[in-house]
N, C-alpha and C. Protein backbone atom coordinates (compact mmCIF):
# COMPACT_ATOMS: atom_id res chain seq x y z
N MET A 1 1.12 -1.34 -0.22
CA MET A 1 0.32 0.24 0.20
C MET A 1 1.13 1.41 -0.23
N ILE A 2 1.69 1.09 0.54
CA ILE A 2 2.94 2.73 0.92
C ILE A 2 3.53 2.62 -0.49
N TYR A 3 3.49 1.72 -1.36
CA TYR A 3 3.91 2.15 -2.61
C TYR A 3 3.08 2.49 -3.68
N VAL A 4 1.99 2.01 -3.44
CA VAL A 4 1.20 3.27 -4.35
C VAL A 4 0.83 4.27 -3.61
N MET A 5 0.75 4.34 -2.58
CA MET A 5 0.96 5.92 -2.25
C MET A 5 2.19 6.68 -2.49
N ILE A 6 3.17 6.33 -2.42
CA ILE A 6 4.58 6.83 -2.66
C ILE A 6 4.09 7.55 -4.37
N PHE A 7 3.71 6.33 -5.27
CA PHE A 7 4.21 6.37 -6.48
C PHE A 7 3.02 7.79 -6.82
N PHE A 8 1.32 7.15 -6.65
CA PHE A 8 0.64 8.33 -7.12
C PHE A 8 0.93 10.04 -6.87
N ALA A 9 1.21 9.60 -5.09
CA ALA A 9 1.79 11.50 -4.97
C ALA A 9 2.67 12.01 -5.57
N LYS A 10 3.59 11.23 -5.72
CA LYS A 10 5.24 11.64 -6.60
C LYS A 10 4.54 11.86 -8.02
N LEU A 11 3.85 11.15 -8.64
CA LEU A 11 3.49 11.31 -9.91
C LEU A 11 2.46 12.45 -9.85
N LEU A 12 1.80 13.02 -9.16
CA LEU A 12 0.49 13.98 -9.17
C LEU A 12 1.79 15.16 -8.68
N GLU A 13 2.85 15.07 -7.97
CA GLU A 13 4.02 16.23 -7.70
C GLU A 13 4.31 16.56 -8.72
N VAL A 14 5.08 15.65 -9.76
CA VAL A 14 6.02 15.84 -10.88
C VAL A 14 5.06 16.35 -12.05
N ALA A 15 3.76 15.59 -12.11
CA ALA A 15 2.76 16.69 -13.09
C ALA A 15 2.78 17.75 -12.65
N ILE A 16 2.09 18.23 -11.67
CA ILE A 16 2.36 19.85 -11.25
C ILE A 16 3.04 20.33 -11.69
N SER A 17 4.64 19.96 -11.11
CA SER A 17 5.74 20.71 -11.46
C SER A 17 6.18 20.72 -12.76
N THR A 18 5.79 19.96 -13.54
CA THR A 18 6.06 20.30 -15.12
C THR A 18 5.26 21.09 -15.83
N ILE A 19 3.67 21.43 -15.29
CA ILE A 19 2.71 22.37 -15.84
C ILE A 19 3.08 23.37 -15.41
N ARG A 20 3.83 23.76 -14.03
CA ARG A 20 4.16 24.83 -13.17
C ARG A 20 5.35 25.80 -14.29
N ILE A 21 5.96 24.59 -14.24
CA ILE A 21 7.36 25.44 -15.10
C ILE A 21 6.88 25.97 -16.51
N VAL A 22 6.11 25.24 -17.35
CA VAL A 22 5.23 25.77 -18.56
C VAL A 22 4.75 27.30 -18.22
N LEU A 23 3.73 26.70 -17.01
CA LEU A 23 3.25 28.36 -17.09
C LEU A 23 4.31 29.46 -16.31
N THR A 24 5.27 29.05 -15.40
CA THR A 24 6.30 30.15 -15.24
C THR A 24 6.93 30.72 -16.63
N GLY A 25 7.60 29.83 -17.33
CA GLY A 25 7.91 30.42 -18.73
C GLY A 25 7.26 31.25 -19.50
N ARG A 26 5.69 30.84 -19.52
CA ARG A 26 4.95 31.63 -20.04
C ARG A 26 4.37 33.08 -19.43
N GLY A 27 4.93 33.27 -18.41
CA GLY A 27 4.94 34.62 -17.18
C GLY A 27 3.28 34.44 -16.63
N ASN A 28 3.23 33.06 -16.41
CA ASN A 28 1.71 33.27 -15.67
C ASN A 28 1.81 32.91 -14.31
N ARG A 29 2.14 33.73 -13.75
CA ARG A 29 2.71 34.04 -12.14
C ARG A 29 1.77 33.61 -11.04
N LEU A 30 0.73 33.80 -11.18
CA LEU A 30 -0.31 33.37 -10.02
C LEU A 30 -0.80 32.03 -9.97
N VAL A 31 -0.90 32.09 -11.39
CA VAL A 31 -1.34 30.40 -11.23
C VAL A 31 0.04 29.70 -11.18
N ALA A 32 1.17 29.44 -11.46
CA ALA A 32 2.44 28.98 -11.10
C ALA A 32 3.00 28.76 -9.75
N SER A 33 2.51 30.10 -9.27
CA SER A 33 2.86 29.96 -7.46
C SER A 33 2.11 28.91 -6.54
N LEU A 34 0.90 29.19 -7.66
CA LEU A 34 -0.40 28.28 -6.75
C LEU A 34 0.13 26.82 -6.42
N LEU A 35 0.13 26.77 -7.51
CA LEU A 35 0.82 25.20 -8.13
C LEU A 35 2.12 24.96 -7.10
N ALA A 36 3.07 25.54 -7.09
CA ALA A 36 3.97 25.51 -6.46
C ALA A 36 3.95 25.19 -4.72
N SER A 37 3.01 26.02 -4.27
CA SER A 37 2.71 25.59 -3.13
C SER A 37 1.91 24.01 -2.93
N VAL A 38 1.38 23.69 -3.72
CA VAL A 38 0.91 22.18 -3.80
C VAL A 38 1.84 21.60 -4.37
N GLU A 39 2.74 21.55 -4.83
CA GLU A 39 4.13 20.94 -5.40
C GLU A 39 4.98 20.70 -4.34
N ILE A 40 5.66 21.86 -3.91
CA ILE A 40 6.32 21.64 -2.52
C ILE A 40 5.94 20.98 -1.23
N THR A 41 4.30 20.93 -1.07
CA THR A 41 3.62 19.88 -0.06
C THR A 41 3.50 18.54 -0.52
N LEU A 42 3.41 18.61 -1.45
CA LEU A 42 3.54 16.79 -2.02
C LEU A 42 4.91 16.44 -1.88
N TRP A 43 5.83 17.28 -2.44
CA TRP A 43 7.23 16.72 -2.19
C TRP A 43 7.57 16.38 -0.77
N ILE A 44 7.28 17.15 0.12
CA ILE A 44 7.61 17.17 1.49
C ILE A 44 7.31 15.98 2.14
N ILE A 45 5.93 15.66 1.91
CA ILE A 45 5.17 14.26 2.27
C ILE A 45 5.81 12.82 1.38
N VAL A 46 6.20 13.16 0.29
CA VAL A 46 6.47 11.91 -0.27
C VAL A 46 8.07 11.50 -0.05
N ALA A 47 8.54 12.91 -0.21
CA ALA A 47 10.16 12.48 0.44
C ALA A 47 10.38 12.23 1.64
N SER A 48 9.87 12.36 2.62
CA SER A 48 9.77 11.97 4.09
C SER A 48 9.57 10.75 4.08
N THR A 49 8.70 10.43 3.15
CA THR A 49 7.83 9.02 3.55
C THR A 49 9.11 8.22 2.94
N VAL A 50 9.82 8.47 1.84
CA VAL A 50 10.49 7.21 1.24
C VAL A 50 11.65 7.60 1.69
N LEU A 51 12.65 8.44 2.88
CA LEU A 51 13.98 8.79 3.16
C LEU A 51 13.78 8.01 4.54
N LEU A 52 12.60 7.75 5.36
CA LEU A 52 12.27 7.50 6.32
C LEU A 52 12.29 6.14 6.63
N GLY A 53 12.19 5.49 5.52
CA GLY A 53 12.10 3.82 5.69
C GLY A 53 13.10 3.13 4.39
N ILE A 54 13.68 3.98 3.75
CA ILE A 54 14.74 3.74 2.65
C ILE A 54 15.77 2.37 2.76
N THR A 55 16.32 2.26 4.17
CA THR A 55 16.80 1.37 4.51
C THR A 55 16.66 0.05 4.64
N GLU A 56 15.40 0.05 5.04
CA GLU A 56 14.69 -1.20 5.50
C GLU A 56 13.81 -1.69 4.46
N ASP A 57 13.45 -0.50 3.06
CA ASP A 57 12.79 -0.79 2.24
C ASP A 57 12.76 -0.12 1.15
N PRO A 58 14.32 -0.11 0.03
CA PRO A 58 14.38 0.30 -0.83
C PRO A 58 13.77 0.24 -1.96
N LEU A 59 12.48 -0.69 -2.11
CA LEU A 59 11.28 -0.20 -3.16
C LEU A 59 10.80 0.94 -2.99
N ARG A 60 11.08 1.98 -2.07
CA ARG A 60 10.26 2.92 -1.55
C ARG A 60 10.84 3.68 -3.06
N ALA A 61 12.11 3.86 -2.84
CA ALA A 61 12.71 4.62 -3.85
C ALA A 61 12.46 4.07 -5.41
N VAL A 62 12.12 2.75 -5.53
CA VAL A 62 11.91 2.32 -7.14
C VAL A 62 11.01 3.31 -7.41
N ALA A 63 9.56 2.78 -6.50
CA ALA A 63 8.48 3.55 -6.46
C ALA A 63 8.51 5.06 -6.64
N TYR A 64 9.22 5.80 -6.00
CA TYR A 64 9.31 6.95 -6.02
C TYR A 64 10.10 7.55 -7.63
N GLY A 65 11.02 6.75 -7.94
CA GLY A 65 11.96 7.21 -9.63
C GLY A 65 10.65 6.71 -10.49
N LEU A 66 10.19 5.81 -10.90
CA LEU A 66 9.09 5.34 -11.69
C LEU A 66 8.02 6.33 -12.04
N ALA A 67 7.54 6.94 -10.41
CA ALA A 67 6.80 8.09 -10.48
C ALA A 67 6.80 9.37 -10.98
N PHE A 68 8.24 9.81 -10.74
CA PHE A 68 8.89 10.66 -11.05
C PHE A 68 9.06 10.77 -12.77
N THR A 69 9.50 9.36 -13.40
CA THR A 69 9.80 9.60 -15.17
C THR A 69 8.27 9.69 -15.28
N ILE A 70 7.52 9.01 -14.88
CA ILE A 70 5.92 9.04 -15.46
C ILE A 70 5.27 10.18 -15.43
N GLY A 71 5.53 10.97 -14.19
CA GLY A 71 4.87 12.08 -13.95
C GLY A 71 5.24 13.35 -14.80
N ILE A 72 6.27 13.46 -15.02
CA ILE A 72 6.87 14.08 -16.57
C ILE A 72 5.95 13.82 -17.59
N TYR A 73 6.01 12.77 -18.20
CA TYR A 73 5.27 12.44 -19.18
C TYR A 73 4.02 13.18 -18.94
N ILE A 74 3.16 12.53 -18.09
CA ILE A 74 1.93 12.70 -17.90
C ILE A 74 1.85 14.46 -17.84
N GLY A 75 2.42 14.87 -17.49
CA GLY A 75 2.60 16.50 -16.99
C GLY A 75 2.97 17.20 -18.77
N ILE A 76 3.47 16.65 -19.11
CA ILE A 76 3.73 17.36 -20.71
C ILE A 76 2.32 16.78 -21.31
N ALA A 77 1.85 15.63 -21.33
CA ALA A 77 0.61 15.26 -22.03
C ALA A 77 -0.80 16.34 -21.54
N ILE A 78 -0.74 16.53 -19.93
CA ILE A 78 -1.69 17.44 -19.76
C ILE A 78 -1.80 19.05 -20.31
N GLU A 79 -0.54 19.48 -20.36
CA GLU A 79 0.19 20.51 -20.75
C GLU A 79 -0.56 21.21 -22.27
N ASP A 80 -0.09 19.87 -23.03
CA ASP A 80 -0.88 19.62 -24.31
C ASP A 80 -1.97 19.71 -24.10
N LYS A 81 -2.81 19.37 -23.78
CA LYS A 81 -4.48 19.23 -23.87
C LYS A 81 -4.52 20.43 -23.71
N LEU A 82 -4.18 21.36 -22.25
CA LEU A 82 -4.63 22.38 -21.94
C LEU A 82 -4.42 23.59 -22.99
N ALA A 83 -3.14 23.49 -24.02
CA ALA A 83 -3.04 24.32 -24.94
C ALA A 83 -3.01 25.75 -24.41
N LEU A 84 -2.47 25.94 -23.29
CA LEU A 84 -2.57 27.31 -22.76
C LEU A 84 -1.61 28.05 -23.07
N GLY A 85 -1.79 29.54 -23.61
CA GLY A 85 -0.96 30.40 -24.49
C GLY A 85 -1.29 30.76 -25.72
N LEU A 86 -0.53 31.47 -26.46
CA LEU A 86 -0.63 32.11 -27.62
C LEU A 86 0.54 31.16 -28.53
N ALA A 87 0.35 31.11 -30.24
CA ALA A 87 0.90 30.81 -30.64
C ALA A 87 0.83 32.07 -32.23
N GLN A 88 2.08 31.97 -32.84
CA GLN A 88 1.77 32.51 -33.87
C GLN A 88 2.24 31.58 -35.17
N ILE A 89 1.46 31.64 -36.32
CA ILE A 89 1.68 30.62 -36.95
C ILE A 89 2.06 31.92 -38.16
N GLU A 90 3.52 31.61 -38.96
CA GLU A 90 3.61 32.18 -40.39
C GLU A 90 3.73 30.88 -41.30
N ILE A 91 2.89 31.45 -42.48
CA ILE A 91 2.84 30.90 -43.72
C ILE A 91 3.37 31.54 -44.60
N ILE A 92 4.21 30.91 -45.76
CA ILE A 92 4.81 31.38 -46.78
C ILE A 92 4.17 30.42 -47.97
N ALA A 93 3.29 30.88 -49.14
CA ALA A 93 3.12 30.33 -50.13
C ALA A 93 2.99 31.13 -51.41
N ASP A 94 2.71 30.58 -52.40
CA ASP A 94 2.55 31.53 -53.81
C ASP A 94 1.57 32.83 -53.69
N ILE A 95 1.37 33.65 -54.18
CA ILE A 95 0.54 34.81 -53.98
C ILE A 95 -1.13 34.39 -54.27
N GLU A 96 -1.40 33.44 -55.04
CA GLU A 96 -2.75 33.22 -55.35
C GLU A 96 -3.13 31.99 -54.26
N GLU A 97 -2.37 31.29 -53.97
CA GLU A 97 -2.43 30.24 -52.80
C GLU A 97 -2.66 30.81 -51.76
N ALA A 98 -1.70 32.15 -51.34
CA ALA A 98 -1.64 32.81 -49.92
C ALA A 98 -3.16 33.68 -49.72
N SER A 99 -3.59 34.10 -50.84
CA SER A 99 -4.73 34.80 -50.91
C SER A 99 -5.93 34.03 -50.26
N ARG A 100 -6.01 32.70 -51.08
CA ARG A 100 -7.20 31.95 -50.53
C ARG A 100 -7.05 31.63 -49.01
N ILE A 101 -6.08 31.37 -48.47
CA ILE A 101 -5.60 30.75 -47.18
C ILE A 101 -5.87 31.95 -46.36
N THR A 102 -5.49 33.14 -46.58
CA THR A 102 -5.58 34.57 -45.95
C THR A 102 -7.00 34.63 -45.78
N GLY A 103 -8.14 34.58 -46.62
CA GLY A 103 -9.29 34.76 -46.56
C GLY A 103 -10.09 33.49 -45.90
N LYS A 104 -9.58 32.45 -45.84
CA LYS A 104 -10.19 31.27 -44.86
C LYS A 104 -9.50 31.84 -43.40
N LEU A 105 -8.77 31.82 -43.18
CA LEU A 105 -8.05 32.22 -41.62
C LEU A 105 -9.17 33.36 -41.26
N ARG A 106 -9.07 34.66 -42.09
CA ARG A 106 -10.10 35.57 -41.83
C ARG A 106 -11.43 35.56 -41.64
N GLU A 107 -12.01 34.42 -42.12
CA GLU A 107 -13.54 33.87 -42.15
C GLU A 107 -13.63 33.45 -40.79
N ARG A 108 -12.50 32.46 -40.58
CA ARG A 108 -12.49 31.99 -38.88
C ARG A 108 -12.46 32.91 -37.63
N GLY A 109 -12.29 34.32 -38.15
CA GLY A 109 -11.80 35.27 -37.17
C GLY A 109 -10.78 35.39 -36.19
N TYR A 110 -9.67 34.76 -37.38
CA TYR A 110 -7.86 35.02 -37.31
C TYR A 110 -7.89 36.38 -37.62
N GLY A 111 -7.20 37.20 -36.96
CA GLY A 111 -6.40 38.32 -37.18
C GLY A 111 -5.11 38.07 -38.02
N VAL A 112 -4.85 38.51 -39.22
CA VAL A 112 -3.88 38.24 -40.12
C VAL A 112 -3.44 39.23 -40.80
N THR A 113 -1.98 39.07 -41.09
CA THR A 113 -1.17 40.00 -41.32
C THR A 113 -0.16 39.56 -42.66
N THR A 114 0.15 40.02 -43.67
CA THR A 114 0.62 39.79 -44.81
C THR A 114 1.58 40.08 -45.47
N PHE A 115 2.66 39.98 -45.71
CA PHE A 115 3.70 40.38 -46.52
C PHE A 115 4.37 40.53 -47.39
N PHE A 116 4.73 40.83 -48.49
CA PHE A 116 5.19 40.19 -49.67
C PHE A 116 6.72 40.00 -49.24
N CYS A 117 7.21 38.47 -50.25
CA CYS A 117 8.72 38.63 -49.78
C CYS A 117 9.06 37.77 -51.16
N GLU A 118 10.54 37.11 -51.10
CA GLU A 118 10.58 36.30 -52.45
C GLU A 118 11.54 35.46 -52.10
N GLY A 119 11.31 34.01 -52.80
CA GLY A 119 11.70 32.78 -52.41
C GLY A 119 12.36 32.52 -53.78
N MET A 120 12.71 31.24 -53.52
CA MET A 120 13.78 30.89 -54.54
C MET A 120 12.97 30.72 -56.03
N GLU A 121 11.66 30.65 -55.73
CA GLU A 121 10.58 30.46 -56.92
C GLU A 121 10.08 31.99 -57.68
N GLY A 122 10.32 32.98 -56.74
CA GLY A 122 9.71 34.51 -57.17
C GLY A 122 8.87 34.73 -55.69
N GLN A 123 8.10 35.50 -56.71
CA GLN A 123 7.26 36.55 -55.27
C GLN A 123 6.01 35.32 -54.52
N LYS A 124 6.36 35.46 -53.35
CA LYS A 124 5.58 34.71 -52.16
C LYS A 124 4.55 35.95 -51.33
N LEU A 125 4.18 35.53 -50.66
CA LEU A 125 3.13 35.90 -49.48
C LEU A 125 3.45 35.44 -48.30
N SER A 126 3.84 36.13 -47.35
CA SER A 126 4.25 35.37 -45.92
C SER A 126 2.70 35.80 -45.25
N ILE A 127 2.25 34.95 -44.22
CA ILE A 127 1.02 35.01 -43.46
C ILE A 127 1.30 35.17 -42.20
N VAL A 128 0.93 35.78 -41.11
CA VAL A 128 1.09 35.55 -39.89
C VAL A 128 0.09 35.96 -39.36
N ALA A 129 -0.11 34.58 -38.38
CA ALA A 129 -1.32 34.93 -37.96
C ALA A 129 -1.13 34.76 -36.07
N LYS A 130 -1.38 35.32 -35.46
CA LYS A 130 -1.69 34.99 -33.36
C LYS A 130 -2.87 34.75 -33.34
N ILE A 131 -2.79 33.42 -32.91
CA ILE A 131 -3.80 32.51 -32.53
C ILE A 131 -3.42 32.11 -31.13
N LEU A 132 -4.55 31.29 -30.42
CA LEU A 132 -4.50 30.75 -29.19
C LEU A 132 -4.16 29.49 -29.48
N ARG A 133 -3.13 28.86 -28.71
CA ARG A 133 -2.68 27.27 -28.95
C ARG A 133 -3.23 26.31 -29.33
N LYS A 134 -4.70 26.49 -28.26
CA LYS A 134 -5.82 25.54 -28.93
C LYS A 134 -6.23 25.39 -29.92
N ASP A 135 -6.20 26.09 -30.94
CA ASP A 135 -6.58 26.65 -32.19
C ASP A 135 -5.86 25.98 -33.29
N ILE A 136 -4.52 25.38 -32.78
CA ILE A 136 -3.23 24.96 -33.90
C ILE A 136 -3.87 23.90 -34.61
N PRO A 137 -4.26 22.88 -33.85
CA PRO A 137 -5.23 21.34 -34.86
C PRO A 137 -6.04 21.75 -36.02
N HIS A 138 -7.19 23.11 -35.57
CA HIS A 138 -7.48 23.35 -36.40
C HIS A 138 -7.18 24.17 -37.64
N THR A 139 -6.12 24.97 -37.32
CA THR A 139 -5.61 25.76 -38.42
C THR A 139 -4.67 24.82 -39.36
N ILE A 140 -4.04 23.71 -38.69
CA ILE A 140 -2.96 22.95 -39.31
C ILE A 140 -4.01 22.31 -40.26
N LYS A 141 -5.05 21.85 -39.86
CA LYS A 141 -6.16 21.20 -40.89
C LYS A 141 -6.72 22.21 -42.02
N LEU A 142 -6.85 23.21 -41.29
CA LEU A 142 -6.80 23.84 -42.49
C LEU A 142 -6.12 23.78 -43.91
N LEU A 143 -4.62 24.29 -43.40
CA LEU A 143 -3.59 24.15 -44.24
C LEU A 143 -3.27 23.25 -45.10
N LYS A 144 -3.61 21.88 -44.47
CA LYS A 144 -3.30 20.45 -45.44
C LYS A 144 -4.32 20.57 -46.44
N GLU A 145 -5.28 21.48 -46.56
CA GLU A 145 -5.82 21.58 -47.92
C GLU A 145 -5.22 22.17 -48.84
N HIS A 146 -3.88 22.48 -48.42
CA HIS A 146 -3.30 23.70 -49.55
C HIS A 146 -2.13 22.69 -49.76
N GLU A 147 -1.58 23.09 -50.84
CA GLU A 147 -0.21 22.51 -51.39
C GLU A 147 1.18 23.77 -51.05
N HIS A 148 2.33 23.53 -51.05
CA HIS A 148 3.57 24.04 -51.22
C HIS A 148 3.66 24.99 -50.47
N LEU A 149 3.51 24.67 -49.10
CA LEU A 149 3.20 25.66 -47.72
C LEU A 149 4.18 25.69 -47.13
N PHE A 150 5.13 26.78 -46.61
CA PHE A 150 6.19 26.94 -45.62
C PHE A 150 5.91 27.23 -44.54
N VAL A 151 5.40 26.17 -43.19
CA VAL A 151 4.91 26.80 -42.47
C VAL A 151 5.58 26.53 -40.83
N THR A 152 5.70 27.70 -40.31
CA THR A 152 6.31 27.77 -38.94
C THR A 152 5.62 28.06 -37.68
N ILE A 153 5.46 27.38 -36.76
CA ILE A 153 4.35 27.68 -35.56
C ILE A 153 5.42 28.34 -34.07
N THR A 154 5.41 29.28 -33.96
CA THR A 154 6.39 29.33 -32.63
C THR A 154 4.96 29.84 -31.78
N ASP A 155 5.63 29.18 -29.84
CA ASP A 155 5.02 30.09 -29.25
C ASP A 155 5.14 31.26 -28.80
N ILE A 156 4.51 32.06 -28.37
CA ILE A 156 4.66 33.26 -27.88
C ILE A 156 4.29 33.32 -26.17
N ARG A 157 5.10 33.73 -25.72
CA ARG A 157 5.20 34.16 -24.21
C ARG A 157 4.45 35.15 -23.81
N LYS A 158 4.06 36.36 -24.37
CA LYS A 158 3.22 37.48 -23.80
C LYS A 158 3.31 38.24 -25.21
N LEU A 159 1.88 38.69 -25.19
CA LEU A 159 1.48 39.94 -26.18
C LEU A 159 1.69 41.56 -25.95
N SER A 160 2.38 42.26 -25.80
CA SER A 160 2.62 43.28 -25.25
C SER A 160 1.46 44.50 -25.27
N ILE A 161 1.57 44.58 -26.63
CA ILE A 161 0.44 45.58 -27.35
C ILE A 161 -0.61 44.53 -27.89
N GLY A 162 -2.15 45.06 -27.73
CA GLY A 162 -2.84 44.22 -28.71
C GLY A 162 -3.91 43.35 -28.07
N ASN A 163 -4.86 42.64 -28.87
CA ASN A 163 -5.62 41.50 -28.07
C ASN A 163 -5.58 40.35 -29.00
N ILE A 164 -6.17 39.44 -28.67
CA ILE A 164 -6.51 38.53 -29.81
C ILE A 164 -8.08 38.07 -29.13
N THR A 165 -8.79 37.82 -30.12
CA THR A 165 -10.23 37.78 -29.94
C THR A 165 -10.10 36.29 -31.02
N ARG A 166 -11.44 35.41 -30.60
CA ARG A 166 -11.51 34.02 -31.46
C ARG A 166 -13.16 33.97 -31.40
N ARG A 167 -13.42 33.93 -32.70
CA ARG A 167 -14.87 33.05 -32.86
C ARG A 167 -15.09 31.94 -32.98
N MET A 168 -16.14 31.27 -32.76
CA MET A 168 -15.99 29.81 -32.76
C MET A 168 -15.72 28.93 -34.26
N ILE A 169 -15.07 28.20 -34.12
CA ILE A 169 -14.55 28.02 -35.29
C ILE A 169 -15.20 26.82 -35.61
N GLN A 170 -16.11 26.74 -36.71
CA GLN A 170 -16.47 25.82 -37.52
C GLN A 170 -15.85 24.39 -37.82
N LYS A 171 -16.07 23.24 -37.18
CA LYS A 171 -15.45 21.93 -37.46
C LYS A 171 -15.97 21.03 -38.73
């Protein structure tokens, strides 16, 4: 029973820690601080439980180590599902194709900025959109309808000026 308690408590602590680290990197101070208090409380309880009985029962350390490893994986999976924050998508395409893409993005409520640029095969249009991270899969699905695109997606820590609004995306 003690192994199960150590395993799940440590797993929860590390998952919370992983999410806290991501939120800290995104500048979300309040939530990161609240998660840190839960994290450290769990750590003290679990670490003391493992250390108090480690010489008599070294399998406590094994449960602790396994939970640490799996907790990181689960924390990353949770953060991916939450998809907190913003992203910038830049799409470079032929001018005609880019015009169609820009129209579709604007129909879905994205703010879009375009720039003329030049590639190896001549004039191109660079499309830049700031979107919520949770909208990335919808946007990628839209882009897969087009060929010969160069697409980059970058996480945004903060948007210093302006705002982002989003209309419901038709699935």
